[in-house]
């Protein structure tokens, strides 16, 4: 499994299990880079996958907002 997929699954799990609550921002890309020891490109791939699957909404200049999963 590619590293971005692993990060995707771990972040998705946090959102689904409400460790990251709906309508709150995920940690910054820089913080995620440190946490997962990954490049910015890898983090962005994971975030883009989360966004395309409806788990987050990316807001330019603000960050990634966890979506409500009803």
Protein backbone atom coordinates (compact mmCIF):
# COMPACT_ATOMS: atom_id res chain seq x y z
CA UNK A 1 0.00 0.00 0.00
CA UNK A 2 1.28 3.45 -0.90
CA UNK A 3 2.08 5.81 1.97
CA UNK A 4 -0.62 8.31 0.96
CA UNK A 5 -3.21 5.52 1.10
CA UNK A 6 -2.08 4.55 4.60
CA UNK A 7 -2.39 8.19 5.71
CA UNK A 8 -5.81 8.40 4.03
CA UNK A 9 -7.07 5.34 5.92
CA UNK A 10 -5.71 6.57 9.25
CA UNK A 11 -7.24 10.04 8.88
CA UNK A 12 -10.52 8.58 7.58
CA UNK A 13 -10.66 6.34 10.64
CA UNK A 14 -10.23 9.35 12.93
CA UNK A 15 -13.09 11.16 11.17
CA UNK A 16 -15.42 8.13 11.14
CA UNK A 17 -14.68 7.37 14.81
CA UNK A 18 -15.20 11.05 15.67
CA UNK A 19 -11.65 11.51 16.99
CA UNK A 20 -11.71 14.43 14.56
CA UNK A 21 -15.14 15.95 15.04
CA UNK A 22 -17.34 17.15 12.19
CA UNK A 23 -16.93 20.82 11.28
CA UNK A 24 -13.47 21.05 12.85
CA UNK A 25 -10.21 21.50 11.00
CA UNK A 26 -7.65 18.77 10.55
CA UNK A 27 -4.09 19.54 11.62
CA UNK A 28 -2.11 21.66 9.15
CA UNK A 29 -0.22 20.03 6.29
CA UNK A 30 3.01 20.83 8.12
CA UNK A 31 1.80 19.09 11.29
CA UNK A 32 0.63 16.07 9.27
CA UNK A 33 4.01 15.95 7.50
CA UNK A 34 5.72 15.71 10.89
CA UNK A 35 3.24 13.22 12.35
CA UNK A 36 3.41 10.81 9.42
CA UNK A 37 7.03 11.56 8.39
CA UNK A 38 5.83 12.25 4.88
CA UNK A 39 6.37 14.81 2.14
CA UNK A 40 3.89 17.60 1.46
CA UNK A 41 2.98 15.91 -1.84
CA UNK A 42 2.12 12.66 -0.03
CA UNK A 43 -0.03 14.52 2.53
CA UNK A 44 -1.80 16.42 -0.25
CA UNK A 45 -2.55 13.17 -2.10
CA UNK A 46 -4.13 11.75 1.06
CA UNK A 47 -6.13 14.95 1.68
CA UNK A 48 -7.30 15.08 -1.93
CA UNK A 49 -8.51 11.49 -1.64
CA UNK A 50 -10.37 12.34 1.58
CA UNK A 51 -11.94 15.33 -0.18
CA UNK A 52 -12.96 13.38 -3.27
CA UNK A 53 -14.64 10.78 -1.05
CA UNK A 54 -16.56 13.40 0.95
CA UNK A 55 -14.73 13.10 4.29
CA UNK A 56 -13.27 16.61 4.24
CA UNK A 57 -13.77 19.95 2.52
CA UNK A 58 -10.59 21.81 1.60
CA UNK A 59 -10.75 25.57 2.08
CA UNK A 60 -8.02 27.58 0.40
CA UNK A 61 -6.03 29.48 3.01
CA UNK A 62 -7.89 27.89 5.92
CA UNK A 63 -7.24 24.16 5.84
CA UNK A 64 -9.23 20.93 5.64
CA UNK A 65 -12.58 20.78 7.39
CA UNK A 66 -13.95 17.39 8.52
CA UNK A 67 -17.44 16.80 7.14
CA UNK A 68 -20.47 15.48 8.98
CA UNK A 69 -21.06 11.83 8.10
CA UNK A 70 -24.80 11.38 8.39
